[in-house]
Protein backbone atom coordinates (compact mmCIF):
# COMPACT_ATOMS: atom_id res chain seq x y z
CA MET A 1 -83.89 -11.14 -36.18
CA LYS A 2 -84.33 -13.75 -33.48
CA LYS A 3 -86.03 -17.04 -34.24
CA LEU A 4 -89.01 -17.71 -32.01
CA ILE A 5 -88.61 -21.39 -31.27
CA LEU A 6 -90.19 -22.73 -28.12
CA CYS A 7 -87.96 -25.31 -26.48
CA ALA A 8 -87.05 -26.78 -23.11
CA SER A 9 -83.96 -27.65 -21.11
CA LEU A 10 -82.77 -31.13 -20.17
CA ALA A 11 -80.34 -32.09 -17.42
CA LEU A 12 -77.80 -34.87 -17.93
CA ALA A 13 -75.46 -36.59 -15.49
CA VAL A 14 -72.86 -39.33 -15.77
CA VAL A 15 -72.09 -42.33 -13.59
CA VAL A 16 -68.54 -43.52 -14.19
CA ALA A 17 -68.24 -47.28 -14.63
CA LEU A 18 -65.81 -49.08 -12.32
CA GLY A 19 -64.81 -45.89 -10.58
CA SER A 20 -66.01 -43.00 -8.47
CA CYS A 21 -69.56 -41.87 -9.08
CA LYS A 22 -71.06 -38.60 -10.15
CA HIS A 23 -74.25 -38.03 -8.18
CA PRO A 24 -77.66 -37.79 -9.87
CA ALA A 25 -80.06 -36.05 -7.52
CA ASN A 26 -83.43 -36.56 -5.97
CA GLU A 27 -86.10 -35.82 -8.58
CA GLY A 28 -87.57 -32.75 -6.93
CA GLY A 29 -85.68 -30.02 -8.83
CA GLY A 30 -83.76 -27.83 -6.41
CA ASN A 31 -84.32 -30.28 -3.54
CA ASP A 32 -81.42 -30.48 -1.11
CA ASP A 33 -81.72 -34.27 -0.88
CA LYS A 34 -78.80 -35.93 -2.67
CA THR A 35 -78.52 -39.32 -4.32
CA THR A 36 -75.36 -41.35 -4.68
CA PRO A 37 -75.87 -44.16 -7.19
CA PRO A 38 -73.73 -47.28 -6.88
CA VAL A 39 -70.54 -47.78 -8.85
CA VAL A 40 -71.71 -49.20 -12.16
CA THR A 41 -70.13 -52.50 -13.16
CA VAL A 42 -72.52 -53.29 -16.04
CA THR A 43 -74.23 -51.16 -18.64
CA HIS A 44 -77.84 -50.31 -17.86
CA GLU A 45 -79.89 -50.37 -21.04
CA ALA A 46 -81.48 -47.09 -22.11
CA GLY A 47 -84.95 -46.71 -20.61
CA GLY A 48 -84.16 -48.13 -17.19
CA VAL A 49 -84.25 -45.86 -14.13
CA VAL A 50 -82.03 -45.18 -11.13
CA LEU A 51 -83.83 -44.41 -7.87
CA ASP A 52 -82.88 -41.94 -5.17
CA ASP A 53 -81.45 -44.76 -3.03
CA GLY A 54 -79.02 -45.72 -5.80
CA SER A 55 -80.85 -48.88 -6.90
CA TRP A 56 -81.81 -49.55 -10.53
CA ILE A 57 -84.98 -50.73 -12.25
CA GLU A 58 -83.98 -52.10 -15.62
CA LYS A 59 -85.75 -51.38 -18.90
CA ALA A 60 -87.21 -54.89 -19.04
CA ASP A 61 -89.06 -54.24 -15.76
CA ILE A 62 -90.43 -50.77 -16.57
CA ALA A 63 -93.69 -52.07 -18.06
CA SER A 64 -94.63 -53.70 -14.74
CA LEU A 65 -93.53 -50.75 -12.63
CA ASP A 66 -96.17 -49.51 -10.17
CA VAL A 67 -96.54 -47.46 -6.98
CA ALA A 68 -95.76 -50.47 -4.83
CA ALA A 69 -92.52 -51.12 -6.73
CA LEU A 70 -91.33 -47.59 -6.07
CA SER A 71 -92.19 -47.94 -2.36
CA GLY A 72 -92.00 -44.24 -1.66
CA LYS A 73 -88.74 -43.79 -3.55
CA LYS A 74 -88.25 -41.25 -6.31
CA VAL A 75 -86.65 -41.62 -9.71
CA ALA A 76 -83.34 -39.76 -9.86
CA GLY A 77 -82.69 -40.33 -13.55
CA ILE A 78 -83.44 -42.38 -16.64
CA SER A 79 -80.67 -44.41 -18.25
CA ALA A 80 -79.88 -42.68 -21.55
CA TYR A 81 -76.78 -44.26 -23.10
CA GLU A 82 -73.25 -45.49 -22.43
CA ILE A 83 -70.09 -44.11 -24.01
CA ASP A 84 -66.45 -44.90 -23.19
CA GLY A 85 -67.34 -46.81 -20.04
CA LYS A 86 -69.56 -44.04 -18.67
CA GLN A 87 -73.27 -44.43 -17.93
CA TYR A 88 -75.33 -41.31 -18.67
CA VAL A 89 -78.73 -40.60 -17.12
CA VAL A 90 -81.23 -37.90 -18.01
CA ALA A 91 -83.43 -36.13 -15.46
CA PRO A 92 -87.12 -37.20 -15.48
CA THR A 93 -88.28 -33.59 -15.85
CA THR A 94 -87.50 -30.53 -17.97
CA ALA A 95 -87.59 -26.74 -17.59
CA SER A 96 -89.23 -24.10 -19.76
CA SER A 97 -88.77 -20.36 -20.38
CA LYS A 98 -85.05 -20.34 -19.58
CA VAL A 99 -82.68 -18.60 -21.96
CA TRP A 100 -79.15 -19.83 -22.73
CA ALA A 101 -77.55 -16.47 -21.93
CA LYS A 102 -78.98 -13.00 -21.49
CA SER A 103 -78.14 -10.39 -24.11
CA GLY A 104 -75.15 -8.30 -23.08
CA THR A 105 -73.52 -10.96 -20.92
CA GLU A 106 -70.04 -12.31 -21.62
CA GLY A 107 -71.44 -15.71 -22.58
CA TYR A 108 -73.86 -14.09 -25.02
CA ASN A 109 -71.30 -11.89 -26.76
CA THR A 110 -68.42 -14.37 -26.82
CA ASN A 111 -68.09 -17.34 -29.14
CA ILE A 112 -66.12 -19.72 -26.95
CA THR A 113 -64.13 -21.91 -29.33
CA ALA A 114 -64.02 -24.87 -26.94
CA MET A 115 -67.84 -24.86 -26.81
CA GLN A 116 -68.33 -24.98 -30.58
CA GLY A 117 -69.80 -28.37 -31.49
CA THR A 118 -71.66 -30.56 -33.95
CA LYS A 119 -73.77 -33.66 -33.47
CA GLU A 120 -71.04 -35.78 -35.10
CA VAL A 121 -68.08 -34.71 -32.94
CA LYS A 122 -67.82 -36.09 -29.40
CA GLN A 123 -68.20 -33.33 -26.83
CA THR A 124 -69.59 -33.17 -23.29
CA GLY A 125 -71.85 -30.60 -21.72
CA GLU A 126 -69.86 -31.00 -18.52
CA ASN A 127 -66.77 -29.62 -20.28
CA ASN A 128 -68.87 -26.91 -21.94
CA LEU A 129 -70.07 -25.71 -18.56
CA ALA A 130 -66.48 -25.51 -17.31
CA GLU A 131 -65.45 -23.54 -20.41
CA LEU A 132 -68.37 -21.14 -20.01
CA LYS A 133 -67.40 -20.43 -16.42
CA LYS A 134 -63.82 -19.59 -17.51
CA VAL A 135 -65.14 -16.77 -19.68
CA ALA A 136 -68.34 -15.73 -17.91
CA THR A 137 -67.25 -13.88 -14.81
CA ASP A 138 -70.90 -12.77 -14.64
CA TYR A 139 -72.12 -16.37 -14.29
CA SER A 140 -75.37 -16.44 -12.29
CA GLU A 141 -78.92 -17.75 -12.44
CA VAL A 142 -80.08 -14.35 -13.70
CA ASN A 143 -77.62 -14.29 -16.61
CA TYR A 144 -77.49 -18.00 -17.54
CA PRO A 145 -80.88 -19.47 -16.53
CA ALA A 146 -80.75 -22.73 -18.51
CA PHE A 147 -77.26 -23.67 -17.33
CA CYS A 148 -78.01 -22.83 -13.70
CA TRP A 149 -81.30 -24.74 -13.74
CA ALA A 150 -79.48 -27.91 -14.80
CA GLU A 151 -76.51 -27.37 -12.49
CA ASN A 152 -78.76 -26.73 -9.49
CA TYR A 153 -81.16 -29.56 -10.29
CA GLY A 154 -79.69 -31.56 -7.42
CA ASP A 155 -76.09 -31.66 -6.36
CA LYS A 156 -74.42 -29.60 -9.11
CA LYS A 157 -73.31 -32.66 -11.10
CA TRP A 158 -76.03 -32.11 -13.70
CA TYR A 159 -75.49 -30.08 -16.85
CA ILE A 160 -77.04 -29.08 -20.19
CA PRO A 161 -76.03 -31.72 -22.79
CA SER A 162 -73.81 -30.86 -25.75
CA ILE A 163 -75.38 -31.16 -29.20
CA TYR A 164 -73.50 -34.46 -29.58
CA GLU A 165 -75.02 -35.74 -26.33
CA LEU A 166 -78.51 -34.53 -27.30
CA ASN A 167 -78.21 -36.53 -30.50
CA GLU A 168 -77.22 -39.60 -28.48
CA LEU A 169 -80.33 -39.07 -26.34
CA TYR A 170 -82.44 -38.77 -29.48
CA GLN A 171 -81.20 -42.15 -30.74
CA ASN A 172 -82.70 -43.74 -27.62
CA LYS A 173 -85.77 -41.51 -27.31
CA ALA A 174 -88.25 -44.40 -27.74
CA ALA A 175 -86.88 -46.18 -24.64
CA ILE A 176 -86.54 -42.94 -22.65
CA ASN A 177 -90.07 -41.84 -23.61
CA ALA A 178 -91.47 -45.24 -22.59
CA ALA A 179 -90.01 -44.74 -19.12
CA LEU A 180 -91.32 -41.17 -18.92
CA THR A 181 -94.81 -42.28 -20.00
CA LYS A 182 -94.84 -45.04 -17.40
CA LEU A 183 -93.70 -42.72 -14.61
CA ASN A 184 -96.33 -40.17 -15.62
CA SER A 185 -99.04 -42.82 -15.43
CA ILE A 186 -97.98 -43.67 -11.87
CA GLU A 187 -97.61 -40.16 -10.46
CA SER A 188 -98.24 -37.34 -12.93
CA SER A 189 -97.67 -34.56 -10.41
CA THR A 190 -94.13 -35.79 -9.70
CA TYR A 191 -93.37 -36.83 -13.29
CA PRO A 192 -95.32 -34.41 -15.51
CA ILE A 193 -93.39 -35.12 -18.73
CA LYS A 194 -94.90 -37.94 -20.81
CA GLU A 195 -92.28 -37.81 -23.53
CA LEU A 196 -89.49 -35.71 -25.00
CA THR A 197 -90.83 -33.65 -27.90
CA GLY A 198 -90.16 -30.22 -29.34
CA TYR A 199 -86.87 -28.33 -29.11
CA TYR A 200 -84.21 -28.67 -26.41
CA TRP A 201 -81.18 -26.48 -25.77
CA SER A 202 -77.69 -27.88 -26.12
CA SER A 203 -74.67 -26.29 -24.43
CA SER A 204 -72.82 -26.14 -27.78
CA GLN A 205 -72.17 -22.88 -29.58
CA VAL A 206 -72.54 -22.20 -33.31
CA ALA A 207 -69.09 -21.59 -34.81
CA SER A 208 -70.29 -18.92 -37.23
CA ASN A 209 -72.38 -16.87 -34.80
CA ASP A 210 -71.26 -15.38 -31.49
CA ASN A 211 -74.88 -15.11 -30.32
CA GLY A 212 -76.07 -18.55 -31.47
CA ALA A 213 -76.32 -21.96 -29.80
CA TRP A 214 -77.46 -25.35 -31.12
CA LEU A 215 -80.71 -27.07 -30.23
CA LEU A 216 -82.35 -30.34 -31.27
CA ARG A 217 -85.98 -31.10 -32.09
CA PHE A 218 -86.94 -34.41 -30.50
CA SER A 219 -89.95 -34.99 -32.72
CA SER A 220 -87.69 -35.35 -35.77
CA GLY A 221 -84.04 -35.26 -34.71
CA ALA A 222 -83.52 -32.03 -36.67
CA VAL A 223 -80.70 -29.78 -35.46
CA ASP A 224 -81.22 -26.01 -35.56
CA ASN A 225 -79.67 -22.95 -33.97
CA ASN A 226 -81.17 -20.02 -32.13
CA ASP A 227 -80.27 -16.75 -30.46
CA LYS A 228 -78.99 -17.38 -26.95
CA ASP A 229 -81.34 -14.76 -25.54
CA ASN A 230 -84.49 -15.68 -27.45
CA GLY A 231 -87.34 -14.68 -25.16
CA LEU A 232 -89.33 -17.86 -25.87
CA VAL A 233 -86.43 -20.26 -25.59
CA CYS A 234 -85.59 -22.01 -22.38
């Protein structure tokens, strides 16, 4: 029997320190405008934001952020954490009602060993997406809505976080939520999410269940699993 857990999808991207950049996108999900952030030479503390012109507003300056400070620019991502010299940013919006994989698809029926994960073992959603595509010859927005939403958020450098990465996000949720709340107070129509709460999909599979994937509840940090094709899960 499927669990009926309402959750949402996050998109994560990485900016490689002292090297070539991955490209977080303009905030307007699906927008063709692209953003190329600068090469990062210092760590940006969780809770700061990167704008669509590649400039940063650090966490210490978020409290004083206003419409004038944005000057018509949009927030491409919120600084989430840094691991192994890589700066990760999370999208300032989420998606709902998107399943992990539709019942009957290759990704639903197959437990891909390389995608099995736990919150303690380092794993990236970027690699998980690549592994899924190796198996899922039926990969499409119809069959894998959550993955395609993240991948198409901007310039196809975004992805659904692994359960390890979701846990890293949870550790810094206070700073991330403070940035989300501030952005919402400035322009709620553009930034409708005030904070990360409830359940969010990870791209990690459950080792003991071909049809199960991990998710994390941001109100408590609890990790749970759910059927990939749960009708209420996104």
